[in-house]
Amino acid sequence: ANRRSTMMKRVEERESLLDFDDKPNVIWSPKYPYFVLFFICWLTFGSYWVYDTPGAIQKQLEEWFYPQKYTDNMNIALYSAYSYPNVILAFFGGYIVDKVTGIRVGAALFCGLILIGQTIFSVAIMFKIYWLAVVGRFVFGLGGESLTVAQNSFTARWFGGKELAFAFGLVVSFSRIGTSVNFLVTPYFTKMGVPFSVWFGTEMCLLSFMAVGFVGLLDWYGDAAVQRRLEREGAQPDEEPEVSLSQIRFFPLQSWIIFLNCSFFYISVLTFYSVASVILTEVAGYDPAVATNYIAIPNFVAIIASPTFGYVLDKTGRSLIWMALAGCMQVLAHLAILAIALGWFTIHPIAIMFWIGVGYSMYASAIWPTLPFVIKSEMLGTGYGTMTAIQNAGLAIFSSIIGVVMKDFEAPTKYIIPIMIFIGCAGVSVVLTVILFIIDKARTGGVLNATGDIKGAYKDRLNSPDHQA
């Protein structure tokens, strides 16, 4: 109980950095958490830049590997090589952050794996060694999602309920800058050579690795300042609460619904990105470079929309309603793409991709900040790890299924079936959101749909020594 009380005081002190009162040291400035957040945003910039490189330059890779064979299924396999290890490793990455290395060392470890994996991938592309490219994507995957877990934990660590959705919105926004610019710039860089385009992505991963050092230093400085203040006030020396993987069985039902919900929604978006270029090229007849530019639109929309939605969610609440609406928007978007594939009618891809971007931003800003109000702080890294692992399980499985479909069927069937899968996954996300709304209302009175201030108060009670999960 004493350890938990100390931890709660520590959380409250960290959140008090957001209060606008006069404090003698920069660490107590309300701007300090946002200074930390700036570098937190850079942590995954490199990984988001290079993640969609195979989708952004698929046609260019086919030409580069010629006369070697480079098929749609081989391109999708590069995504699967990334996703499959994260079915397990993202889960353990959260545990590593919570229990083994701590958040700072863990972030450096995961970011280092990303840099090594992307370096291997770049060497493989340079020398046209496909199997080595798969190895590089696998190593990249060892750190990719686990770094996102660490990034989420950093964000939740520095921001309270009243600012959390906005902070997560900024993180999502900045990550999407990397993805968006990749879709626009990487195809252009292939004019200077496909190897040059992938090596440039490696440099972006190096930039993120440097950001890890800054985040670790700033977090250590802030943590030390909080600890000194607690000691001056007579609090007991901080001890980390005991964390065990066995505690996962105590995760409430709401958390598991959130995990599954996230997986199905992201299948309808991220897996779609991996095949959208070829669908627009083969079905709608667009030039590959033009199709790639269209795919970048949702991420450019997210740059502005994600923090905007996050700010609004903090003020007005209704997170679950926004999640359900976002799922419905994805269903409509993929129905429009299906109509194009079947020749029913034509809607310009710019409108569809903009619509997808708005829905994606709305959903991401709503779902990622929900977990700190469901799972206690000491298990939050493991919670985000579990969430990411289940998400990657869905991405890996459905990427493989779609890869088989595109290999074994002829056009337009091989494109129609994946679109129908995306419609189904978005629909499942909507159903799960409705179920989550009912259960949250029954168990907590609807805290997940509340405003940021109410959520912050509930978060304090959730992490109090007397609270029972």
Protein backbone atom coordinates (compact mmCIF):
# COMPACT_ATOMS: atom_id res chain seq x y z
CA ALA A 1 0.00 0.00 0.00
CA ASN A 2 2.86 2.40 0.82
CA ARG A 3 4.55 1.66 -2.51
CA ARG A 4 1.30 2.27 -4.35
CA SER A 5 0.73 5.52 -2.43
CA THR A 6 4.19 6.72 -3.38
CA MET A 7 3.57 5.79 -6.99
CA MET A 8 0.30 7.74 -6.98
CA LYS A 9 2.01 10.80 -5.55
CA ARG A 10 4.61 10.42 -8.27
CA VAL A 11 1.94 10.35 -10.98
CA GLU A 12 0.22 13.37 -9.47
CA GLU A 13 3.48 15.31 -9.31
CA ARG A 14 4.25 14.50 -12.94
CA GLU A 15 0.78 15.59 -14.02
CA SER A 16 1.13 18.78 -11.95
CA LEU A 17 3.76 19.91 -14.41
CA LEU A 18 0.80 20.85 -16.59
CA ASP A 19 -0.52 23.33 -14.00
CA PHE A 20 -0.03 26.98 -14.90
CA ASP A 21 1.47 28.34 -11.72
CA ASP A 22 4.77 30.05 -11.03
CA LYS A 23 7.57 27.61 -10.32
CA PRO A 24 11.26 28.46 -9.91
CA ASN A 25 12.70 25.70 -12.09
CA VAL A 26 12.16 24.85 -15.76
CA ILE A 27 11.14 21.32 -14.78
CA TRP A 28 8.04 22.73 -13.13
CA SER A 29 7.12 24.81 -16.18
CA PRO A 30 3.84 23.83 -17.88
CA LYS A 31 5.81 23.78 -21.14
CA TYR A 32 8.21 21.04 -20.04
CA PRO A 33 5.91 18.07 -20.79
CA TYR A 34 5.35 19.45 -24.29
CA PHE A 35 9.11 19.81 -24.71
CA VAL A 36 9.39 16.12 -23.83
CA LEU A 37 6.47 15.37 -26.16
CA PHE A 38 8.29 16.98 -29.10
CA PHE A 39 11.03 14.35 -28.89
CA ILE A 40 8.54 11.58 -28.07
CA CYS A 41 6.91 12.33 -31.43
CA TRP A 42 10.21 11.70 -33.22
CA LEU A 43 10.65 8.21 -31.75
CA THR A 44 8.61 6.43 -34.41
CA PHE A 45 9.11 8.90 -37.26
CA GLY A 46 11.71 6.68 -38.92
CA SER A 47 9.80 3.43 -38.49
CA TYR A 48 6.61 4.93 -39.92
CA TRP A 49 8.63 6.32 -42.82
CA VAL A 50 10.04 2.94 -43.85
CA TYR A 51 7.11 0.67 -42.89
CA ASP A 52 5.14 1.39 -46.07
CA THR A 53 8.13 1.60 -48.40
CA PRO A 54 7.26 -1.72 -50.12
CA GLY A 55 3.74 -0.45 -50.82
CA ALA A 56 4.92 2.99 -51.95
CA ILE A 57 7.37 1.68 -54.56
CA GLN A 58 5.98 -1.77 -55.43
CA LYS A 59 6.03 -1.19 -59.18
CA GLN A 60 9.53 0.27 -58.98
CA LEU A 61 10.69 -2.77 -57.00
CA GLU A 62 9.26 -5.07 -59.68
CA GLU A 63 11.29 -3.22 -62.31
CA TRP A 64 14.40 -3.14 -60.11
CA PHE A 65 14.38 -6.89 -59.45
CA TYR A 66 13.74 -7.77 -63.11
CA PRO A 67 14.56 -10.31 -64.56
CA GLN A 68 14.05 -11.84 -61.13
CA LYS A 69 10.44 -12.41 -60.18
CA TYR A 70 8.85 -9.92 -57.80
CA THR A 71 5.11 -10.54 -57.34
CA ASP A 72 2.24 -9.00 -55.38
CA ASN A 73 2.46 -11.88 -52.92
CA MET A 74 6.20 -11.29 -52.40
CA ASN A 75 5.54 -7.62 -51.67
CA ILE A 76 2.82 -8.47 -49.14
CA ALA A 77 5.21 -10.99 -47.55
CA LEU A 78 7.46 -8.08 -46.58
CA TYR A 79 4.59 -6.76 -44.47
CA SER A 80 3.90 -10.19 -42.99
CA ALA A 81 7.59 -10.59 -42.06
CA TYR A 82 7.21 -7.41 -40.02
CA SER A 83 3.86 -8.31 -38.44
CA TYR A 84 4.32 -11.95 -37.44
CA PRO A 85 7.09 -11.42 -34.84
CA ASN A 86 5.01 -8.64 -33.32
CA VAL A 87 2.21 -11.06 -32.55
CA ILE A 88 4.39 -12.12 -29.62
CA LEU A 89 7.13 -9.53 -29.29
CA ALA A 90 4.96 -6.44 -28.91
CA PHE A 91 3.32 -8.18 -25.95
CA PHE A 92 6.70 -8.95 -24.38
CA GLY A 93 7.94 -5.50 -25.36
CA GLY A 94 5.37 -4.00 -23.01
CA TYR A 95 6.44 -6.36 -20.24
CA ILE A 96 10.09 -5.50 -20.89
CA VAL A 97 9.28 -1.80 -20.55
CA ASP A 98 7.33 -2.38 -17.33
CA LYS A 99 9.58 -4.92 -15.62
CA VAL A 100 13.00 -5.59 -17.20
CA THR A 101 14.75 -2.65 -18.85
CA GLY A 102 12.51 0.25 -17.97
CA ILE A 103 11.03 2.59 -20.53
CA ARG A 104 14.24 4.46 -21.47
CA VAL A 105 16.53 1.50 -22.12
CA GLY A 106 13.67 -0.40 -23.71
CA ALA A 107 13.00 2.42 -26.18
CA ALA A 108 16.69 2.54 -27.13
CA LEU A 109 16.77 -1.24 -27.62
CA PHE A 110 13.70 -1.30 -29.84
CA CYS A 111 14.78 1.72 -31.89
CA GLY A 112 18.19 0.09 -32.39
CA LEU A 113 16.54 -3.04 -33.79
CA ILE A 114 14.58 -0.89 -36.23
CA LEU A 115 17.77 0.78 -37.45
CA ILE A 116 19.56 -2.56 -37.84
CA GLY A 117 16.62 -4.16 -39.65
CA GLN A 118 16.21 -1.27 -42.08
CA THR A 119 19.96 -1.32 -42.77
CA ILE A 120 19.74 -5.03 -43.66
CA PHE A 121 16.72 -4.32 -45.87
CA SER A 122 18.59 -1.52 -47.68
CA VAL A 123 21.59 -3.76 -48.34
CA ALA A 124 19.25 -6.47 -49.63
CA ILE A 125 17.54 -4.10 -52.06
CA MET A 126 20.86 -2.75 -53.24
CA PHE A 127 22.10 -6.23 -54.16
CA LYS A 128 18.65 -7.59 -55.18
CA ILE A 129 18.58 -10.34 -52.54
CA TYR A 130 14.91 -10.87 -51.75
CA TRP A 131 15.33 -13.36 -48.90
CA LEU A 132 17.67 -10.94 -47.12
CA ALA A 133 15.05 -8.20 -47.55
CA VAL A 134 12.59 -10.46 -45.71
CA VAL A 135 15.17 -10.94 -42.94
CA GLY A 136 15.62 -7.19 -42.69
CA ARG A 137 11.88 -6.63 -42.37
CA PHE A 138 11.75 -9.35 -39.70
CA VAL A 139 14.47 -7.65 -37.62
CA PHE A 140 12.74 -4.32 -38.20
CA GLY A 141 9.59 -5.92 -36.83
CA LEU A 142 11.38 -7.04 -33.69
CA GLY A 143 11.57 -3.41 -32.61
CA GLY A 144 8.88 -1.66 -34.63
CA GLU A 145 5.72 -2.18 -32.61
CA SER A 146 7.54 -2.47 -29.30
CA LEU A 147 8.92 1.02 -29.86
CA THR A 148 5.34 2.22 -30.37
CA VAL A 149 4.47 0.59 -27.03
CA ALA A 150 7.31 2.53 -25.38
CA GLN A 151 6.19 5.73 -27.10
CA ASN A 152 2.62 5.27 -25.85
CA SER A 153 3.91 4.61 -22.35
CA PHE A 154 6.03 7.77 -22.45
CA THR A 155 2.99 9.78 -23.54
CA ALA A 156 0.69 8.36 -20.86
CA ARG A 157 3.49 8.88 -18.32
CA TRP A 158 3.71 12.62 -18.97
CA PHE A 159 0.09 13.61 -19.56
CA GLY A 160 -3.02 13.36 -17.42
CA GLY A 161 -6.62 12.74 -18.41
CA LYS A 162 -7.43 16.32 -19.38
CA GLU A 163 -4.59 16.48 -21.95
CA LEU A 164 -4.09 12.84 -22.90
CA ALA A 165 -6.19 12.60 -26.07
CA PHE A 166 -4.61 15.78 -27.44
CA ALA A 167 -1.11 14.46 -26.68
CA PHE A 168 -1.86 11.14 -28.37
CA GLY A 169 -3.33 13.06 -31.31
CA LEU A 170 -0.06 14.95 -31.72
CA VAL A 171 1.93 11.71 -31.57
CA VAL A 172 -0.27 10.07 -34.21
CA SER A 173 -0.11 13.22 -36.33
CA PHE A 174 3.68 13.34 -36.31
CA SER A 175 3.99 9.64 -37.09
CA ARG A 176 1.73 10.12 -40.10
CA ILE A 177 4.00 12.87 -41.37
CA GLY A 178 6.63 10.18 -41.79
CA THR A 179 4.22 7.86 -43.58
CA SER A 180 2.78 10.60 -45.80
CA VAL A 181 6.09 12.07 -46.87
CA ASN A 182 7.36 8.55 -47.57
CA PHE A 183 4.51 7.90 -50.01
CA LEU A 184 5.28 11.16 -51.83
CA VAL A 185 9.06 11.34 -51.65
CA THR A 186 10.22 7.72 -51.85
CA PRO A 187 8.73 7.09 -55.34
CA TYR A 188 10.41 10.31 -56.50
CA PHE A 189 13.73 9.20 -55.01
CA THR A 190 13.56 6.02 -57.12
CA LYS A 191 14.42 8.22 -60.11
CA MET A 192 17.85 8.50 -58.49
CA GLY A 193 17.82 4.75 -57.92
CA VAL A 194 15.72 2.35 -55.86
CA PRO A 195 18.65 1.73 -53.45
CA PHE A 196 18.91 5.50 -52.81
CA SER A 197 15.21 5.64 -51.88
CA VAL A 198 15.47 2.89 -49.27
CA TRP A 199 18.77 4.15 -47.85
CA PHE A 200 17.18 7.54 -47.30
CA GLY A 201 14.63 5.75 -45.10
CA THR A 202 17.51 4.27 -43.13
CA GLU A 203 18.72 7.80 -42.40
CA MET A 204 15.26 8.63 -41.02
CA CYS A 205 15.57 5.65 -38.67
CA LEU A 206 18.92 7.01 -37.51
CA LEU A 207 17.21 10.33 -36.77
CA SER A 208 14.68 8.54 -34.57
CA PHE A 209 17.48 6.70 -32.77
CA MET A 210 19.01 10.06 -31.88
CA ALA A 211 15.63 11.24 -30.57
CA VAL A 212 15.56 8.28 -28.15
CA GLY A 213 18.62 9.71 -26.43
CA PHE A 214 16.99 13.11 -25.98
CA VAL A 215 13.75 11.61 -24.66
CA GLY A 216 15.65 9.42 -22.20
CA LEU A 217 17.66 12.37 -20.91
CA LEU A 218 14.62 14.62 -20.53
CA ASP A 219 12.58 11.88 -18.87
CA TRP A 220 15.42 11.10 -16.46
CA TYR A 221 15.78 14.77 -15.56
CA GLY A 222 12.06 15.18 -14.97
CA ASP A 223 11.85 11.94 -13.01
CA ALA A 224 14.76 12.94 -10.80
CA ALA A 225 13.18 16.34 -10.11
CA VAL A 226 9.90 14.71 -9.12
CA GLN A 227 11.74 12.28 -6.85
CA ARG A 228 13.64 15.09 -5.12
CA ARG A 229 10.44 17.01 -4.50
CA LEU A 230 8.76 13.94 -3.03
CA GLU A 231 11.73 13.39 -0.74
CA ARG A 232 11.58 17.01 0.45
CA GLU A 233 7.92 16.46 1.29
CA GLY A 234 8.83 13.40 3.34
CA ALA A 235 7.54 10.70 0.98
CA GLN A 236 9.18 7.28 1.17
CA PRO A 237 11.81 6.45 -1.49
CA ASP A 238 10.14 5.37 -4.67
CA GLU A 239 9.87 1.63 -5.27
CA GLU A 240 8.44 0.12 -8.41
CA PRO A 241 5.32 -1.97 -7.82
CA GLU A 242 5.60 -5.65 -8.55
CA VAL A 243 4.74 -6.47 -12.15
CA SER A 244 4.04 -9.98 -13.37
CA LEU A 245 2.75 -11.37 -16.64
CA SER A 246 0.22 -13.33 -14.60
CA GLN A 247 -1.51 -10.02 -13.85
CA ILE A 248 -2.76 -9.93 -17.44
CA ARG A 249 -5.54 -12.27 -16.40
CA PHE A 250 -6.87 -9.43 -14.25
CA PHE A 251 -7.22 -7.07 -17.23
CA PRO A 252 -10.91 -6.07 -17.29
CA LEU A 253 -13.22 -7.15 -20.10
CA GLN A 254 -13.23 -3.63 -21.52
CA SER A 255 -9.50 -3.87 -22.27
CA TRP A 256 -9.87 -7.06 -24.32
CA ILE A 257 -12.68 -5.53 -26.34
CA ILE A 258 -10.46 -2.51 -26.97
CA PHE A 259 -7.64 -4.81 -28.13
CA LEU A 260 -9.86 -6.67 -30.61
CA ASN A 261 -11.56 -3.49 -31.75
CA CYS A 262 -8.23 -1.88 -32.55
CA SER A 263 -7.09 -4.92 -34.52
CA PHE A 264 -10.15 -5.11 -36.77
CA PHE A 265 -10.23 -1.38 -37.46
CA TYR A 266 -6.54 -1.20 -38.34
CA ILE A 267 -6.89 -4.17 -40.69
CA SER A 268 -9.42 -2.12 -42.65
CA VAL A 269 -6.91 0.75 -42.92
CA LEU A 270 -3.29 -0.44 -42.74
CA THR A 271 -3.74 -3.68 -44.67
CA PHE A 272 -5.67 -1.69 -47.27
CA TYR A 273 -2.65 0.62 -47.64
CA SER A 274 -0.46 -2.37 -48.56
CA VAL A 275 -2.62 -3.24 -51.57
CA ALA A 276 -4.30 0.09 -52.40
CA SER A 277 -1.65 1.13 -54.92
CA VAL A 278 -2.03 -2.00 -57.04
CA ILE A 279 -5.85 -1.87 -56.76
CA LEU A 280 -5.99 1.71 -58.00
CA THR A 281 -3.47 0.89 -60.73
CA GLU A 282 -5.04 -2.32 -62.01
CA VAL A 283 -8.74 -1.64 -61.38
CA ALA A 284 -9.05 2.11 -61.88
CA GLY A 285 -6.20 2.44 -64.39
CA TYR A 286 -4.16 5.09 -62.58
CA ASP A 287 -0.43 5.52 -63.08
CA PRO A 288 1.52 3.86 -60.21
CA ALA A 289 3.07 7.17 -59.10
CA VAL A 290 -0.34 8.88 -59.10
CA ALA A 291 -1.91 5.97 -57.19
CA THR A 292 0.84 6.20 -54.58
CA ASN A 293 0.15 9.92 -54.13
CA TYR A 294 -3.52 9.18 -53.51
CA ILE A 295 -2.61 6.67 -50.79
CA ALA A 296 -0.69 9.41 -48.97
CA ILE A 297 -3.83 11.54 -48.59
CA PRO A 298 -5.22 9.83 -45.42
CA ASN A 299 -1.96 10.36 -43.60
CA PHE A 300 -1.75 14.01 -44.62
CA VAL A 301 -5.30 14.46 -43.35
CA ALA A 302 -4.24 12.81 -40.06
CA ILE A 303 -1.47 15.38 -39.57
CA ILE A 304 -4.08 18.07 -38.93
CA ALA A 305 -7.11 16.02 -37.95
CA SER A 306 -5.58 13.79 -35.23
CA PRO A 307 -4.54 16.52 -32.76
CA THR A 308 -7.71 18.46 -33.58
CA PHE A 309 -9.92 15.49 -32.77
CA GLY A 310 -7.81 14.79 -29.68
CA TYR A 311 -8.36 18.32 -28.38
CA VAL A 312 -12.10 18.10 -29.02
CA LEU A 313 -12.31 14.69 -27.34
CA ASP A 314 -10.57 16.01 -24.23
CA LYS A 315 -13.11 18.81 -24.00
CA THR A 316 -16.33 17.06 -25.03
CA GLY A 317 -15.77 13.33 -24.45
CA ARG A 318 -17.86 10.85 -26.47
CA SER A 319 -14.83 8.76 -27.45
CA LEU A 320 -16.84 5.59 -28.09
CA ILE A 321 -19.37 7.40 -30.24
CA TRP A 322 -16.53 8.76 -32.36
CA MET A 323 -15.01 5.29 -32.64
CA ALA A 324 -18.30 3.85 -33.89
CA LEU A 325 -18.69 6.70 -36.37
CA ALA A 326 -15.15 6.17 -37.62
CA GLY A 327 -15.87 2.48 -38.23
CA CYS A 328 -18.99 3.37 -40.23
CA MET A 329 -16.94 5.80 -42.29
CA GLN A 330 -14.49 3.03 -43.21
CA VAL A 331 -17.36 0.77 -44.27
CA LEU A 332 -18.67 3.49 -46.60
CA ALA A 333 -15.21 4.21 -47.99
CA HIS A 334 -14.56 0.58 -48.92
CA LEU A 335 -18.07 0.26 -50.37
CA ALA A 336 -17.17 3.15 -52.67
CA ILE A 337 -13.97 1.38 -53.73
CA LEU A 338 -15.96 -1.81 -54.30
CA ALA A 339 -18.37 0.13 -56.52
CA ILE A 340 -15.43 1.33 -58.62
CA ALA A 341 -14.05 -2.22 -58.90
CA LEU A 342 -17.44 -3.57 -60.02
CA GLY A 343 -18.07 -0.69 -62.39
CA TRP A 344 -21.24 0.49 -60.63
CA PHE A 345 -20.20 4.14 -60.47
CA THR A 346 -17.06 6.23 -60.08
CA ILE A 347 -15.94 8.41 -57.18
CA HIS A 348 -12.59 10.13 -57.44
CA PRO A 349 -9.97 8.47 -55.17
CA ILE A 350 -9.08 11.84 -53.64
CA ALA A 351 -12.53 12.07 -52.04
CA ILE A 352 -12.39 8.46 -50.81
CA MET A 353 -8.90 8.80 -49.37
CA PHE A 354 -9.78 12.07 -47.64
CA TRP A 355 -12.81 10.35 -46.09
CA ILE A 356 -10.62 7.46 -44.90
CA GLY A 357 -8.16 9.93 -43.39
CA VAL A 358 -10.85 11.71 -41.40
CA GLY A 359 -12.26 8.43 -40.07
CA TYR A 360 -8.81 7.06 -39.26
CA SER A 361 -7.82 10.26 -37.38
CA MET A 362 -11.06 10.22 -35.44
CA TYR A 363 -10.57 6.60 -34.42
CA ALA A 364 -6.87 6.83 -33.51
CA SER A 365 -7.44 9.93 -31.38
CA ALA A 366 -10.22 8.14 -29.51
CA ILE A 367 -8.98 4.60 -28.92
CA TRP A 368 -5.32 4.92 -27.88
CA PRO A 369 -6.00 7.21 -24.89
CA THR A 370 -8.69 4.84 -23.51
CA LEU A 371 -6.30 2.27 -22.04
CA PRO A 372 -4.97 4.36 -19.08
CA PHE A 373 -8.57 4.55 -17.82
CA VAL A 374 -9.00 0.78 -17.95
CA ILE A 375 -5.62 -0.64 -16.85
CA LYS A 376 -3.56 0.47 -13.84
CA SER A 377 -0.42 2.52 -14.43
CA GLU A 378 2.11 -0.13 -13.41
CA MET A 379 0.77 -2.51 -16.08
CA LEU A 380 0.17 0.08 -18.78
CA GLY A 381 3.22 -0.88 -20.85
CA THR A 382 2.13 -4.51 -20.82
CA GLY A 383 -1.39 -3.37 -21.71
CA TYR A 384 -0.20 -1.41 -24.72
CA GLY A 385 2.05 -4.33 -25.64
CA THR A 386 -0.89 -6.74 -25.57
CA MET A 387 -2.98 -4.31 -27.60
CA THR A 388 -0.24 -3.97 -30.21
CA ALA A 389 0.41 -7.73 -30.30
CA ILE A 390 -3.24 -8.50 -31.01
CA GLN A 391 -3.32 -5.76 -33.62
CA ASN A 392 -0.30 -7.27 -35.37
CA ALA A 393 -1.78 -10.75 -35.18
CA GLY A 394 -4.75 -9.45 -37.13
CA LEU A 395 -2.57 -7.58 -39.62
CA ALA A 396 -0.33 -10.60 -40.19
CA ILE A 397 -3.16 -13.09 -40.61
CA PHE A 398 -5.24 -10.94 -42.93
CA SER A 399 -2.21 -9.82 -44.94
CA SER A 400 -1.43 -13.49 -45.57
CA ILE A 401 -5.02 -14.26 -46.52
CA ILE A 402 -5.13 -11.34 -48.94
CA GLY A 403 -1.75 -12.34 -50.36
CA VAL A 404 -3.08 -15.82 -51.14
CA VAL A 405 -6.24 -14.37 -52.70
CA MET A 406 -4.27 -12.02 -54.94
CA LYS A 407 -2.02 -14.89 -56.00
CA ASP A 408 -4.67 -17.54 -56.69
CA PHE A 409 -7.48 -15.47 -58.24
CA GLU A 410 -7.70 -13.42 -61.41
CA ALA A 411 -8.76 -9.79 -61.72
CA PRO A 412 -11.16 -8.34 -60.72
CA THR A 413 -11.98 -11.09 -58.19
CA LYS A 414 -8.56 -10.89 -56.55
CA TYR A 415 -9.26 -7.24 -55.75
CA ILE A 416 -12.95 -7.53 -54.88
CA ILE A 417 -12.43 -10.16 -52.16
CA PRO A 418 -9.88 -8.04 -50.19
CA ILE A 419 -12.21 -5.02 -50.38
CA MET A 420 -15.05 -7.12 -48.96
CA ILE A 421 -12.72 -8.28 -46.17
CA PHE A 422 -11.96 -4.64 -45.31
CA ILE A 423 -15.70 -3.87 -45.21
CA GLY A 424 -16.28 -6.81 -42.87
CA CYS A 425 -13.44 -5.85 -40.51
CA ALA A 426 -14.64 -2.26 -40.24
CA GLY A 427 -18.15 -3.57 -39.51
CA VAL A 428 -16.85 -5.81 -36.73
CA SER A 429 -15.10 -2.78 -35.22
CA VAL A 430 -18.42 -0.93 -35.07
CA VAL A 431 -20.13 -3.89 -33.36
CA LEU A 432 -17.33 -4.19 -30.80
CA THR A 433 -17.57 -0.47 -30.04
CA VAL A 434 -21.29 -0.83 -29.31
CA ILE A 435 -20.54 -3.76 -26.98
CA LEU A 436 -17.80 -1.73 -25.27
CA PHE A 437 -20.23 1.16 -24.78
CA ILE A 438 -22.74 -1.13 -23.03
CA ILE A 439 -20.16 -2.79 -20.76
CA ASP A 440 -18.41 0.48 -19.87
CA LYS A 441 -21.73 2.07 -19.01
CA ALA A 442 -22.65 -0.86 -16.76
CA ARG A 443 -19.28 -1.14 -14.97
CA THR A 444 -17.99 2.45 -14.67
CA GLY A 445 -20.99 4.62 -15.46
CA GLY A 446 -19.54 5.46 -18.88
CA VAL A 447 -16.09 6.84 -18.05
CA LEU A 448 -14.71 6.05 -21.53
CA ASN A 449 -17.29 8.41 -23.00
CA ALA A 450 -16.61 11.15 -20.46
CA THR A 451 -14.65 14.39 -20.80
CA GLY A 452 -10.93 14.61 -20.03
CA ASP A 453 -11.47 16.11 -16.56
CA ILE A 454 -13.81 13.30 -15.51
CA LYS A 455 -11.46 10.70 -16.96
CA GLY A 456 -8.55 12.20 -15.04
CA ALA A 457 -10.44 11.93 -11.75
CA TYR A 458 -11.37 8.33 -12.52
CA LYS A 459 -7.75 7.55 -13.41
CA ASP A 460 -6.70 8.70 -9.93
CA ARG A 461 -9.27 6.36 -8.36
CA LEU A 462 -8.23 3.49 -10.65
CA ASN A 463 -4.63 3.77 -9.46
CA SER A 464 -5.46 4.33 -5.81
CA PRO A 465 -4.39 1.67 -3.28
CA ASP A 466 -7.98 0.81 -2.38
CA HIS A 467 -9.29 0.34 -5.91
CA GLN A 468 -10.25 -3.17 -6.87
CA ALA A 469 -10.02 -4.09 -10.58
